[in-house]
């Protein structure tokens, strides 16, 4: 699908370079014969065949709203998706045992996706029954959000941070109050100007900034969410928000980079994965501290800086 690839994602020159790169890594880039309608928005989603039902619902909804869809196959399985009618309408990139952020760093360079107004970089374990991409983008534009995410249904989702929870009767919220650290004086995460990494949505300008923050060697991107305010193209308390009226369910399934041999991961395996997540988080925070990217006014950031090294040392001893 040379024409589709050129019109939707890459130039001819980059296509040659990418195919050469793909041979070096022995992975697959599938460029189908389907030529989609012109779109100004992109959904890039990490997928595994075990989650095909939820992926099917997501992809169908986005294609119906005129999106270009790129599927990152972290389990190396591509042909088995043929059962879905949209298989040939999607760009497939397959590299076994990699994460969404690994793919994003290598295949979503800002120049490559520059024709898209918005980039949705989503996980696969999301329920979209109460989410409509078109209405969502209308709200994002009206509210002037450069970085956003759909709110989470608290009754069905795994919630890690309360700022992501849906507020009933609200269209958008930008801050969270807990009676403690999060109040009207809060200027940054986790109280205001923050989205989580399972379903972020970036404007073109915000993605150009965020892409450069992704570290090549820290493929889980832990800690990146706390720094996205720097990419808000202005005041993060205004330009970053959670859309309540279009919301999703986050199932929080441990899928990315998980075993692809049909066996369940052992507890030891998940503990190791957790170690690399937290260790990567600590490394990122330490690097940002060294480059003075942490806001001095936020005690929350300073605590992270102080704890990062000790956390890594503790984890190394534990594992």
Protein backbone atom coordinates (compact mmCIF):
# COMPACT_ATOMS: atom_id res chain seq x y z
CA UNK A 1 0.00 0.00 0.00
CA UNK A 2 2.59 2.52 -1.10
CA UNK A 3 0.03 5.22 -1.75
CA UNK A 4 -1.70 4.80 1.61
CA UNK A 5 1.56 4.75 3.47
CA UNK A 6 2.76 7.88 1.72
CA UNK A 7 -0.47 9.82 2.14
CA UNK A 8 -1.22 8.71 5.67
CA UNK A 9 2.09 8.23 7.45
CA UNK A 10 5.45 8.24 5.70
CA UNK A 11 7.14 9.79 2.69
CA UNK A 12 8.62 7.53 0.01
CA UNK A 13 12.13 8.11 1.31
CA UNK A 14 11.19 7.20 4.85
CA UNK A 15 9.37 4.11 3.59
CA UNK A 16 12.59 2.76 2.11
CA UNK A 17 14.48 3.51 5.31
CA UNK A 18 11.79 1.92 7.45
CA UNK A 19 11.66 -1.28 5.44
CA UNK A 20 15.44 -1.54 5.67
CA UNK A 21 15.21 -0.97 9.41
CA UNK A 22 12.48 -3.62 9.64
CA UNK A 23 14.70 -6.22 7.97
CA UNK A 24 17.47 -5.48 10.42
CA UNK A 25 15.13 -6.06 13.36
CA UNK A 26 13.33 -9.00 11.69
CA UNK A 27 9.95 -7.45 12.35
CA UNK A 28 6.98 -6.84 10.09
CA UNK A 29 5.51 -3.67 8.66
CA UNK A 30 2.27 -4.51 6.86
CA UNK A 31 1.15 -1.94 4.30
CA UNK A 32 -2.19 -3.12 3.04
CA UNK A 33 -3.89 -2.34 -0.28
CA UNK A 34 -6.63 -0.31 1.36
CA UNK A 35 -6.49 3.42 0.74
CA UNK A 36 -8.44 5.23 3.48
CA UNK A 37 -10.21 8.53 3.23
CA UNK A 38 -8.10 11.51 4.15
CA UNK A 39 -7.89 11.84 7.90
CA UNK A 40 -6.40 14.44 10.16
CA UNK A 41 -6.30 12.24 13.27
CA UNK A 42 -4.39 9.11 14.23
CA UNK A 43 -5.00 6.26 16.66
CA UNK A 44 -1.83 4.32 17.52
CA UNK A 45 -2.57 1.36 19.74
CA UNK A 46 -0.50 -1.49 21.16
CA UNK A 47 -2.28 -4.80 20.57
CA UNK A 48 -1.99 -8.48 21.42
CA UNK A 49 -4.17 -11.23 20.01
CA UNK A 50 -5.39 -12.22 23.49
CA UNK A 51 -7.19 -8.87 23.75
CA UNK A 52 -8.68 -9.01 20.26
CA UNK A 53 -12.27 -8.43 21.38
CA UNK A 54 -11.56 -5.14 23.15
CA UNK A 55 -9.23 -4.06 20.33
CA UNK A 56 -11.93 -4.82 17.77
CA UNK A 57 -14.39 -2.51 19.52
CA UNK A 58 -11.84 0.29 19.76
CA UNK A 59 -10.62 0.06 16.17
CA UNK A 60 -14.11 -0.13 14.69
CA UNK A 61 -15.19 2.96 16.57
CA UNK A 62 -12.18 5.01 15.47
CA UNK A 63 -12.31 3.90 11.83
CA UNK A 64 -16.00 4.81 11.74
CA UNK A 65 -14.99 8.33 12.73
CA UNK A 66 -12.43 8.73 9.96
CA UNK A 67 -9.24 8.00 11.89
CA UNK A 68 -6.10 6.41 10.51
CA UNK A 69 -5.23 3.47 12.77
CA UNK A 70 -1.78 2.02 13.39
CA UNK A 71 -1.58 -1.25 15.35
CA UNK A 72 1.61 -2.08 17.26
CA UNK A 73 1.75 -5.88 17.62
CA UNK A 74 3.86 -6.60 20.68
CA UNK A 75 3.27 -10.37 20.49
CA UNK A 76 4.37 -10.81 16.87
CA UNK A 77 0.93 -12.03 15.82
CA UNK A 78 -0.49 -10.27 12.74
CA UNK A 79 -2.21 -12.69 10.34
CA UNK A 80 -4.65 -13.96 12.97
CA UNK A 81 -6.35 -10.56 12.88
CA UNK A 82 -7.67 -11.37 9.39
CA UNK A 83 -11.00 -12.41 10.89
CA UNK A 84 -11.86 -8.74 11.34
CA UNK A 85 -13.07 -6.79 8.33
CA UNK A 86 -10.90 -3.83 9.25
CA UNK A 87 -7.64 -5.78 9.09
CA UNK A 88 -6.70 -4.36 5.69
CA UNK A 89 -7.70 -0.85 6.71
CA UNK A 90 -5.06 -0.66 9.44
CA UNK A 91 -1.29 -0.19 9.31
CA UNK A 92 0.37 -3.07 11.18
CA UNK A 93 3.79 -2.89 12.82
CA UNK A 94 5.00 -6.04 14.54
CA UNK A 95 7.96 -6.37 16.90
CA UNK A 96 7.71 -9.07 19.58
CA UNK A 97 8.12 -8.22 23.26
CA UNK A 98 8.14 -4.45 22.98
CA UNK A 99 6.00 -1.80 24.63
CA UNK A 100 3.77 0.97 23.34
CA UNK A 101 6.42 3.58 24.11
CA UNK A 102 9.14 1.63 22.32
CA UNK A 103 6.96 1.64 19.21
CA UNK A 104 6.01 5.30 19.62
CA UNK A 105 9.61 6.43 19.88
CA UNK A 106 10.58 4.61 16.69
CA UNK A 107 7.50 4.92 14.48
CA UNK A 108 5.75 8.12 15.55
CA UNK A 109 8.45 10.72 15.05
CA UNK A 110 6.78 14.18 15.02
CA UNK A 111 7.76 14.74 11.39
CA UNK A 112 6.16 11.44 10.41
CA UNK A 113 2.81 12.26 12.02
CA UNK A 114 2.89 15.99 11.31
CA UNK A 115 -0.24 15.92 9.14
CA UNK A 116 -2.37 14.72 12.04
CA UNK A 117 -4.06 17.25 14.29
CA UNK A 118 -4.42 14.79 17.16
CA UNK A 119 -2.57 11.61 18.11
CA UNK A 120 -4.30 9.06 20.34
CA UNK A 121 -1.67 6.76 21.87
CA UNK A 122 -3.73 4.09 23.61
CA UNK A 123 -3.43 0.79 25.42
CA UNK A 124 -5.62 -2.11 24.35
CA UNK A 125 -7.39 -2.83 27.65
CA UNK A 126 -9.94 -0.05 27.38
CA UNK A 127 -13.72 -0.20 27.20
CA UNK A 128 -15.20 2.36 24.81
CA UNK A 129 -18.95 1.78 25.17
CA UNK A 130 -19.44 5.36 26.41
CA UNK A 131 -16.80 6.98 24.25
CA UNK A 132 -17.23 8.68 20.87
CA UNK A 133 -14.03 9.94 19.16
CA UNK A 134 -15.80 12.68 17.20
CA UNK A 135 -17.59 14.17 20.19
CA UNK A 136 -14.41 13.86 22.21
CA UNK A 137 -12.39 15.92 19.75
CA UNK A 138 -15.12 18.55 19.55
CA UNK A 139 -14.84 19.03 23.30
CA UNK A 140 -11.04 19.08 23.20
CA UNK A 141 -11.09 21.83 20.59
CA UNK A 142 -13.75 23.85 22.42
CA UNK A 143 -11.81 23.64 25.68
CA UNK A 144 -8.42 24.33 24.10
CA UNK A 145 -6.85 21.16 25.48
CA UNK A 146 -3.42 20.27 24.10
CA UNK A 147 -3.05 17.12 26.22
CA UNK A 148 -6.05 15.17 27.45
CA UNK A 149 -7.59 11.82 28.23
CA UNK A 150 -11.10 10.41 28.58
CA UNK A 151 -12.22 10.10 32.19
CA UNK A 152 -12.41 6.65 33.80
CA UNK A 153 -15.63 5.00 34.93
CA UNK A 154 -14.77 4.48 38.63
CA UNK A 155 -17.22 1.60 39.09
CA UNK A 156 -15.58 -0.56 36.41
CA UNK A 157 -12.02 0.73 36.12
CA UNK A 158 -8.74 0.16 37.87
CA UNK A 159 -8.02 3.66 39.14
CA UNK A 160 -4.47 4.64 40.03
CA UNK A 161 -4.92 8.40 40.34
CA UNK A 162 -8.14 10.10 41.40
CA UNK A 163 -7.72 12.98 38.98
CA UNK A 164 -8.60 10.56 36.16
CA UNK A 165 -11.99 9.60 37.65
CA UNK A 166 -15.10 10.79 35.86
CA UNK A 167 -16.98 13.66 37.46
CA UNK A 168 -20.70 13.22 36.88
CA UNK A 169 -22.46 16.18 35.34
CA UNK A 170 -19.16 17.67 34.17
CA UNK A 171 -17.86 18.05 30.63
CA UNK A 172 -14.18 18.52 31.51
CA UNK A 173 -12.15 18.82 34.69
CA UNK A 174 -8.57 19.96 35.08
CA UNK A 175 -7.84 19.50 38.77
CA UNK A 176 -8.54 17.20 41.68
CA UNK A 177 -9.24 18.13 45.30
CA UNK A 178 -8.56 15.77 48.19
CA UNK A 179 -8.53 18.09 51.17
CA UNK A 180 -4.80 17.59 51.61
CA UNK A 181 -2.03 18.32 49.13
CA UNK A 182 -4.47 18.92 46.28
CA UNK A 183 -6.14 22.29 46.68
CA UNK A 184 -6.64 25.61 44.90
CA UNK A 185 -2.94 26.41 45.31
CA UNK A 186 -1.77 23.26 43.53
CA UNK A 187 0.03 23.94 40.26
CA UNK A 188 1.11 20.49 39.08
CA UNK A 189 0.74 16.70 39.31
CA UNK A 190 -0.90 14.78 40.77
CA UNK A 191 -3.47 17.47 41.50
CA UNK A 192 -3.75 19.49 38.30
CA UNK A 193 -2.54 19.48 34.70
CA UNK A 194 -2.06 15.74 34.45
CA UNK A 195 -3.23 12.73 32.46
CA UNK A 196 -2.27 9.09 32.84
CA UNK A 197 -0.48 7.05 30.21
CA UNK A 198 -3.06 4.44 29.28
CA UNK A 199 -5.10 6.70 26.98
CA UNK A 200 -3.38 10.05 26.35
CA UNK A 201 -4.42 12.31 23.49
CA UNK A 202 -1.96 14.87 22.13
CA UNK A 203 -2.30 17.79 19.80
CA UNK A 204 0.28 17.90 17.03
CA UNK A 205 2.35 20.51 18.88
CA UNK A 206 2.14 18.71 22.22
CA UNK A 207 3.25 15.42 20.67
CA UNK A 208 6.30 17.05 19.10
CA UNK A 209 7.38 18.00 22.60
CA UNK A 210 6.34 14.76 24.33
CA UNK A 211 8.11 12.56 21.79
CA UNK A 212 11.45 14.08 22.71
CA UNK A 213 10.80 13.33 26.38
CA UNK A 214 10.44 9.60 25.71
CA UNK A 215 13.77 7.98 26.57
CA UNK A 216 15.06 5.32 24.20
CA UNK A 217 16.15 3.00 26.98
CA UNK A 218 13.15 3.50 29.31
CA UNK A 219 10.49 1.77 27.26
CA UNK A 220 7.82 1.72 29.98
CA UNK A 221 7.86 5.55 30.22
CA UNK A 222 7.17 5.60 33.93
CA UNK A 223 7.48 9.18 35.14
CA UNK A 224 6.72 10.69 31.75
CA UNK A 225 3.17 11.54 32.80
CA UNK A 226 4.41 13.91 35.47
CA UNK A 227 6.42 15.88 32.93
CA UNK A 228 3.84 16.32 30.18
CA UNK A 229 2.83 19.69 31.57
CA UNK A 230 5.97 21.08 29.96
CA UNK A 231 4.41 20.17 26.60
CA UNK A 232 1.06 21.86 27.20
CA UNK A 233 1.83 24.82 24.90
CA UNK A 234 1.00 27.18 27.73
CA UNK A 235 -0.44 26.97 31.23
CA UNK A 236 -0.80 23.30 32.15
CA UNK A 237 -3.66 24.12 34.51
CA UNK A 238 -5.64 25.22 31.45
CA UNK A 239 -4.22 23.22 28.55
CA UNK A 240 -4.27 19.75 30.16
CA UNK A 241 -7.53 18.12 31.15
CA UNK A 242 -9.74 15.07 31.58
CA UNK A 243 -12.91 14.81 29.48
CA UNK A 244 -15.81 13.59 31.63
CA UNK A 245 -18.65 13.44 29.13
CA UNK A 246 -16.79 10.93 26.93
CA UNK A 247 -15.42 8.29 29.27
CA UNK A 248 -13.84 4.83 29.16
CA UNK A 249 -13.21 1.77 31.30
CA UNK A 250 -9.62 0.89 32.17
CA UNK A 251 -9.29 -2.84 32.80
CA UNK A 252 -5.58 -2.57 33.71
CA UNK A 253 -4.59 -5.92 32.23
CA UNK A 254 -0.85 -6.75 32.47
CA UNK A 255 -0.41 -7.37 28.76
CA UNK A 256 2.32 -5.23 27.22
CA UNK A 257 5.51 -7.20 26.94
CA UNK A 258 3.89 -10.16 28.69
CA UNK A 259 4.43 -13.82 27.83
CA UNK A 260 3.40 -14.74 24.29
CA UNK A 261 3.78 -18.52 24.60
CA UNK A 262 0.29 -19.17 25.92
CA UNK A 263 1.37 -19.56 29.54
CA UNK A 264 0.46 -17.33 32.42
CA UNK A 265 3.26 -15.30 33.88
CA UNK A 266 4.55 -16.43 37.24
CA UNK A 267 4.44 -14.17 40.27
CA UNK A 268 8.21 -13.87 39.99
CA UNK A 269 7.87 -12.70 36.40
CA UNK A 270 5.43 -9.94 37.32
CA UNK A 271 7.63 -8.91 40.26
CA UNK A 272 10.54 -8.57 37.86
CA UNK A 273 8.43 -6.51 35.49
CA UNK A 274 7.35 -4.32 38.38
CA UNK A 275 11.00 -3.87 39.29
CA UNK A 276 11.88 -2.63 35.82
CA UNK A 277 8.89 -0.30 35.81
CA UNK A 278 9.84 1.35 39.08
CA UNK A 279 13.55 1.32 38.34
CA UNK A 280 12.89 3.03 35.02
CA UNK A 281 10.70 5.55 36.79
CA UNK A 282 13.48 6.34 39.24
CA UNK A 283 16.04 6.71 36.48
CA UNK A 284 13.82 9.10 34.56
CA UNK A 285 13.12 11.22 37.63
CA UNK A 286 16.82 11.34 38.47
CA UNK A 287 17.70 12.47 34.94
CA UNK A 288 15.07 15.19 35.01
CA UNK A 289 16.29 16.37 38.39
CA UNK A 290 19.84 16.56 37.06
CA UNK A 291 18.62 18.72 34.19
CA UNK A 292 16.62 20.90 36.57
CA UNK A 293 13.34 20.17 34.83
CA UNK A 294 11.49 19.69 38.11
CA UNK A 295 9.51 22.67 39.32
CA UNK A 296 11.05 23.99 42.51
CA UNK A 297 7.66 25.10 43.80
CA UNK A 298 6.29 21.58 43.89
CA UNK A 299 7.24 19.61 46.99
CA UNK A 300 5.80 16.56 45.25
CA UNK A 301 8.57 16.70 42.67
CA UNK A 302 11.27 17.27 45.23
CA UNK A 303 10.16 14.19 47.16
CA UNK A 304 10.44 12.14 43.98
CA UNK A 305 13.95 13.43 43.38
CA UNK A 306 15.01 12.56 46.91
CA UNK A 307 13.46 9.10 46.87
CA UNK A 308 14.45 7.97 43.40
CA UNK A 309 17.95 6.72 44.18
CA UNK A 310 16.98 5.02 47.43
CA UNK A 311 14.05 3.34 45.68
CA UNK A 312 16.35 1.86 43.05
CA UNK A 313 18.75 0.60 45.71
CA UNK A 314 15.88 -0.98 47.64
CA UNK A 315 14.56 -2.73 44.56
CA UNK A 316 17.98 -4.08 43.62
CA UNK A 317 18.28 -5.60 47.10
CA UNK A 318 14.73 -7.01 46.95
CA UNK A 319 15.15 -8.79 43.64
